[in-house]
PDB file of N, CA and C in Angstrom:
ATOM      1  N   MET A   1       9.188   5.434 -31.065  1.00  0.00           N
ATOM      2  CA  MET A   1       7.698   5.138 -30.492  1.00  0.00           C
ATOM      3  C   MET A   1       6.944   6.238 -29.655  1.00  0.00           C
ATOM      4  N   SER A   2       6.126   6.539 -29.226  1.00  0.00           N
ATOM      5  CA  SER A   2       6.358   7.091 -27.918  1.00  0.00           C
ATOM      6  C   SER A   2       4.944   5.928 -26.918  1.00  0.00           C
ATOM      7  N   TYR A   3       5.646   6.267 -25.112  1.00  0.00           N
ATOM      8  CA  TYR A   3       4.313   5.624 -24.411  1.00  0.00           C
ATOM      9  C   TYR A   3       4.346   6.494 -23.863  1.00  0.00           C
ATOM     10  N   VAL A   4       3.969   7.446 -24.524  1.00  0.00           N
ATOM     11  CA  VAL A   4       3.077   8.416 -23.057  1.00  0.00           C
ATOM     12  C   VAL A   4       1.817   9.688 -23.517  1.00  0.00           C
ATOM     13  N   VAL A   5       1.393   9.751 -23.370  1.00  0.00           N
ATOM     14  CA  VAL A   5       0.412  10.862 -23.807  1.00  0.00           C
ATOM     15  C   VAL A   5       1.385  11.814 -23.601  1.00  0.00           C
ATOM     16  N   ALA A   6       1.533  13.684 -24.487  1.00  0.00           N
ATOM     17  CA  ALA A   6       1.621  14.081 -24.302  1.00  0.00           C
ATOM     18  C   ALA A   6       1.020  15.175 -24.125  1.00  0.00           C
ATOM     19  N   SER A   7      -0.698  15.291 -24.163  1.00  0.00           N
ATOM     20  CA  SER A   7      -1.028  16.369 -23.728  1.00  0.00           C
ATOM     21  C   SER A   7      -1.243  15.947 -21.908  1.00  0.00           C
ATOM     22  N   LYS A   8      -1.004  14.655 -21.437  1.00  0.00           N
ATOM     23  CA  LYS A   8      -1.270  14.347 -20.042  1.00  0.00           C
ATOM     24  C   LYS A   8       0.090  14.998 -19.692  1.00  0.00           C
ATOM     25  N   ILE A   9       1.072  14.714 -20.264  1.00  0.00           N
ATOM     26  CA  ILE A   9       2.258  15.259 -19.495  1.00  0.00           C
ATOM     27  C   ILE A   9       1.740  16.991 -19.231  1.00  0.00           C
ATOM     28  N   LYS A  10       1.782  17.079 -19.991  1.00  0.00           N
ATOM     29  CA  LYS A  10       1.532  19.206 -20.091  1.00  0.00           C
ATOM     30  C   LYS A  10       0.677  19.464 -18.993  1.00  0.00           C
ATOM     31  N   GLU A  11      -0.661  18.847 -18.664  1.00  0.00           N
ATOM     32  CA  GLU A  11      -1.770  18.927 -18.265  1.00  0.00           C
ATOM     33  C   GLU A  11      -1.240  19.127 -16.709  1.00  0.00           C
ATOM     34  N   PHE A  12      -0.426  17.347 -16.237  1.00  0.00           N
ATOM     35  CA  PHE A  12       0.046  17.180 -15.140  1.00  0.00           C
ATOM     36  C   PHE A  12       1.621  18.657 -14.719  1.00  0.00           C
ATOM     37  N   ILE A  13       2.334  19.285 -15.596  1.00  0.00           N
ATOM     38  CA  ILE A  13       3.159  20.362 -15.437  1.00  0.00           C
ATOM     39  C   ILE A  13       2.267  21.184 -15.178  1.00  0.00           C
ATOM     40  N   ASN A  14       1.250  21.538 -15.570  1.00  0.00           N
ATOM     41  CA  ASN A  14       0.600  22.895 -15.953  1.00  0.00           C
ATOM     42  C   ASN A  14      -0.371  22.967 -14.419  1.00  0.00           C
ATOM     43  N   GLY A  15      -0.244  21.523 -14.200  1.00  0.00           N
ATOM     44  CA  GLY A  15      -1.220  22.294 -13.592  1.00  0.00           C
ATOM     45  C   GLY A  15      -0.381  22.454 -11.465  1.00  0.00           C
ATOM     46  N   LYS A  16       0.631  21.620 -11.843  1.00  0.00           N
ATOM     47  CA  LYS A  16       1.751  22.224 -10.905  1.00  0.00           C
ATOM     48  C   LYS A  16       2.028  23.778 -10.917  1.00  0.00           C
ATOM     49  N   GLY A  17       2.091  24.741 -11.315  1.00  0.00           N
ATOM     50  CA  GLY A  17       1.849  26.307 -12.393  1.00  0.00           C
ATOM     51  C   GLY A  17       3.719  26.245 -12.470  1.00  0.00           C
ATOM     52  N   MET A  18       4.114  24.951 -13.525  1.00  0.00           N
ATOM     53  CA  MET A  18       4.834  25.243 -14.142  1.00  0.00           C
ATOM     54  C   MET A  18       4.329  25.341 -16.076  1.00  0.00           C
ATOM     55  N   MET A  19       5.096  24.746 -16.825  1.00  0.00           N
ATOM     56  CA  MET A  19       5.401  25.038 -17.885  1.00  0.00           C
ATOM     57  C   MET A  19       6.296  24.163 -18.662  1.00  0.00           C
ATOM     58  N   SER A  20       6.133  23.493 -19.428  1.00  0.00           N
ATOM     59  CA  SER A  20       7.029  22.020 -20.365  1.00  0.00           C
ATOM     60  C   SER A  20       7.268  22.220 -21.478  1.00  0.00           C
ATOM     61  N   ALA A  21       8.354  21.951 -21.741  1.00  0.00           N
ATOM     62  CA  ALA A  21       9.106  22.035 -23.359  1.00  0.00           C
ATOM     63  C   ALA A  21       8.690  21.685 -24.555  1.00  0.00           C
ATOM     64  N   GLY A  22       8.588  21.403 -25.298  1.00  0.00           N
ATOM     65  CA  GLY A  22       8.350  20.584 -26.583  1.00  0.00           C
ATOM     66  C   GLY A  22       9.047  19.264 -26.453  1.00  0.00           C
ATOM     67  N   ASP A  23      10.527  18.863 -25.833  1.00  0.00           N
ATOM     68  CA  ASP A  23      11.362  17.786 -26.557  1.00  0.00           C
ATOM     69  C   ASP A  23      10.397  16.888 -24.601  1.00  0.00           C
ATOM     70  N   LEU A  24       9.806  17.568 -23.880  1.00  0.00           N
ATOM     71  CA  LEU A  24       9.828  16.751 -22.682  1.00  0.00           C
ATOM     72  C   LEU A  24       8.916  15.356 -22.706  1.00  0.00           C
ATOM     73  N   SER A  25       7.758  15.248 -23.417  1.00  0.00           N
ATOM     74  CA  SER A  25       7.259  14.197 -23.380  1.00  0.00           C
ATOM     75  C   SER A  25       8.447  13.032 -24.568  1.00  0.00           C
ATOM     76  N   GLU A  26       8.908  13.294 -25.626  1.00  0.00           N
ATOM     77  CA  GLU A  26       9.958  12.892 -25.762  1.00  0.00           C
ATOM     78  C   GLU A  26      11.276  12.358 -24.831  1.00  0.00           C
ATOM     79  N   HIS A  27      11.056  12.576 -24.208  1.00  0.00           N
ATOM     80  CA  HIS A  27      12.610  12.581 -23.217  1.00  0.00           C
ATOM     81  C   HIS A  27      11.693  11.299 -21.850  1.00  0.00           C
ATOM     82  N   ALA A  28      10.491  11.566 -21.276  1.00  0.00           N
ATOM     83  CA  ALA A  28      10.012  10.871 -20.699  1.00  0.00           C
ATOM     84  C   ALA A  28       9.337   9.606 -21.320  1.00  0.00           C
ATOM     85  N   SER A  29       8.896   9.754 -22.739  1.00  0.00           N
ATOM     86  CA  SER A  29       9.052   8.314 -23.208  1.00  0.00           C
ATOM     87  C   SER A  29      10.114   7.305 -23.349  1.00  0.00           C
ATOM     88  N   LYS A  30      11.113   8.265 -23.313  1.00  0.00           N
ATOM     89  CA  LYS A  30      12.648   7.379 -23.888  1.00  0.00           C
ATOM     90  C   LYS A  30      13.068   6.677 -22.173  1.00  0.00           C
ATOM     91  N   PHE A  31      12.643   7.505 -21.116  1.00  0.00           N
ATOM     92  CA  PHE A  31      12.663   7.337 -19.920  1.00  0.00           C
ATOM     93  C   PHE A  31      12.037   6.333 -19.760  1.00  0.00           C
ATOM     94  N   LEU A  32      10.877   6.339 -19.650  1.00  0.00           N
ATOM     95  CA  LEU A  32      10.188   4.863 -19.855  1.00  0.00           C
ATOM     96  C   LEU A  32      10.554   3.454 -19.823  1.00  0.00           C
ATOM     97  N   GLU A  33      11.063   3.914 -21.817  1.00  0.00           N
ATOM     98  CA  GLU A  33      11.174   2.267 -22.123  1.00  0.00           C
ATOM     99  C   GLU A  33      12.588   1.924 -21.639  1.00  0.00           C
ATOM    100  N   GLU A  34      13.469   3.049 -20.860  1.00  0.00           N
ATOM    101  CA  GLU A  34      15.021   2.252 -19.961  1.00  0.00           C
ATOM    102  C   GLU A  34      14.261   1.458 -19.233  1.00  0.00           C
ATOM    103  N   ALA A  35      13.333   2.665 -18.524  1.00  0.00           N
ATOM    104  CA  ALA A  35      13.033   1.703 -17.147  1.00  0.00           C
ATOM    105  C   ALA A  35      12.167   0.081 -17.185  1.00  0.00           C
ATOM    106  N   LEU A  36      11.098   0.396 -18.596  1.00  0.00           N
ATOM    107  CA  LEU A  36      10.582  -0.851 -19.181  1.00  0.00           C
ATOM    108  C   LEU A  36      11.642  -1.908 -19.515  1.00  0.00           C
ATOM    109  N   ALA A  37      12.576  -2.158 -20.234  1.00  0.00           N
ATOM    110  CA  ALA A  37      13.444  -2.828 -20.575  1.00  0.00           C
ATOM    111  C   ALA A  37      14.487  -3.323 -19.442  1.00  0.00           C
ATOM    112  N   LYS A  38      14.319  -2.232 -18.642  1.00  0.00           N
ATOM    113  CA  LYS A  38      15.276  -2.857 -17.086  1.00  0.00           C
ATOM    114  C   LYS A  38      13.975  -3.784 -16.497  1.00  0.00           C
ATOM    115  N   ALA A  39      12.991  -3.644 -16.404  1.00  0.00           N
ATOM    116  CA  ALA A  39      11.720  -4.230 -15.956  1.00  0.00           C
ATOM    117  C   ALA A  39      11.839  -5.311 -16.346  1.00  0.00           C
ATOM    118  N   VAL A  40      11.741  -6.030 -17.525  1.00  0.00           N
ATOM    119  CA  VAL A  40      11.885  -6.946 -18.514  1.00  0.00           C
ATOM    120  C   VAL A  40      13.202  -8.044 -18.012  1.00  0.00           C
ATOM    121  N   LYS A  41      14.311  -7.522 -17.565  1.00  0.00           N
ATOM    122  CA  LYS A  41      15.135  -7.827 -17.584  1.00  0.00           C
ATOM    123  C   LYS A  41      15.299  -8.954 -16.135  1.00  0.00           C
ATOM    124  N   ARG A  42      14.958  -7.901 -15.651  1.00  0.00           N
ATOM    125  CA  ARG A  42      14.601  -8.522 -13.410  1.00  0.00           C
ATOM    126  C   ARG A  42      13.754  -9.332 -13.471  1.00  0.00           C
ATOM    127  N   ALA A  43      12.508  -9.415 -14.735  1.00  0.00           N
ATOM    128  CA  ALA A  43      11.830 -10.739 -14.615  1.00  0.00           C
ATOM    129  C   ALA A  43      12.204 -11.908 -14.641  1.00  0.00           C
ATOM    130  N   ALA A  44      12.840 -11.386 -16.401  1.00  0.00           N
ATOM    131  CA  ALA A  44      13.937 -12.547 -17.196  1.00  0.00           C
ATOM    132  C   ALA A  44      14.507 -13.306 -15.905  1.00  0.00           C
ATOM    133  N   ALA A  45      15.383 -12.617 -15.198  1.00  0.00           N
ATOM    134  CA  ALA A  45      16.898 -13.427 -14.208  1.00  0.00           C
ATOM    135  C   ALA A  45      16.152 -13.666 -12.924  1.00  0.00           C
ATOM    136  N   ASN A  46      14.820 -13.790 -12.780  1.00  0.00           N
ATOM    137  CA  ASN A  46      14.573 -13.876 -11.728  1.00  0.00           C
ATOM    138  C   ASN A  46      13.162 -15.564 -11.998  1.00  0.00           C
ATOM    139  N   GLY A  47      13.507 -15.415 -13.338  1.00  0.00           N
ATOM    140  CA  GLY A  47      12.748 -17.137 -14.651  1.00  0.00           C
ATOM    141  C   GLY A  47      11.389 -17.193 -14.614  1.00  0.00           C
ATOM    142  N   ARG A  48      11.383 -15.887 -14.641  1.00  0.00           N
ATOM    143  CA  ARG A  48       8.998 -15.145 -14.418  1.00  0.00           C
ATOM    144  C   ARG A  48       9.442 -14.617 -16.616  1.00  0.00           C
ATOM    145  N   LYS A  49       8.167 -14.461 -17.208  1.00  0.00           N
ATOM    146  CA  LYS A  49       7.973 -13.869 -18.252  1.00  0.00           C
ATOM    147  C   LYS A  49       6.553 -12.871 -18.060  1.00  0.00           C
ATOM    148  N   THR A  50       6.861 -12.696 -16.943  1.00  0.00           N
ATOM    149  CA  THR A  50       5.810 -12.007 -16.159  1.00  0.00           C
ATOM    150  C   THR A  50       6.504 -10.772 -15.760  1.00  0.00           C
ATOM    151  N   VAL A  51       5.802  -9.465 -15.727  1.00  0.00           N
ATOM    152  CA  VAL A  51       6.829  -8.130 -15.686  1.00  0.00           C
ATOM    153  C   VAL A  51       5.619  -7.353 -14.299  1.00  0.00           C
ATOM    154  N   ARG A  52       6.446  -7.341 -13.400  1.00  0.00           N
ATOM    155  CA  ARG A  52       5.573  -6.847 -12.398  1.00  0.00           C
ATOM    156  C   ARG A  52       5.898  -5.448 -11.907  1.00  0.00           C
ATOM    157  N   GLY A  53       5.477  -5.060 -11.103  1.00  0.00           N
ATOM    158  CA  GLY A  53       5.129  -3.118 -10.700  1.00  0.00           C
ATOM    159  C   GLY A  53       6.879  -3.547  -9.845  1.00  0.00           C
ATOM    160  N   GLU A  54       6.975  -5.022  -8.699  1.00  0.00           N
ATOM    161  CA  GLU A  54       8.298  -5.087  -8.494  1.00  0.00           C
ATOM    162  C   GLU A  54       9.196  -4.611  -8.975  1.00  0.00           C
ATOM    163  N   ASP A  55       9.177  -5.147 -10.185  1.00  0.00           N
ATOM    164  CA  ASP A  55      10.424  -5.436 -11.250  1.00  0.00           C
ATOM    165  C   ASP A  55      10.804  -3.985 -11.623  1.00  0.00           C
ATOM    166  N   LEU A  56      10.270  -2.585 -11.494  1.00  0.00           N
ATOM    167  CA  LEU A  56      10.104  -1.301 -11.703  1.00  0.00           C
ATOM    168  C   LEU A  56      11.335  -0.997 -11.021  1.00  0.00           C
TER     169      LEU A  56
END
């Protein structure tokens, strides 16, 4: 499952005068998935069922 919009990543990178590899969005999605999993664990450890921005 992808959690990012590949075209938006490419647009951002191109806007910085750089090019993006074809696998960038796949890796960005995996990075995001791992960060969200950590945020869920942190919220649970704090006794909450709501994940907040501060959990990231």
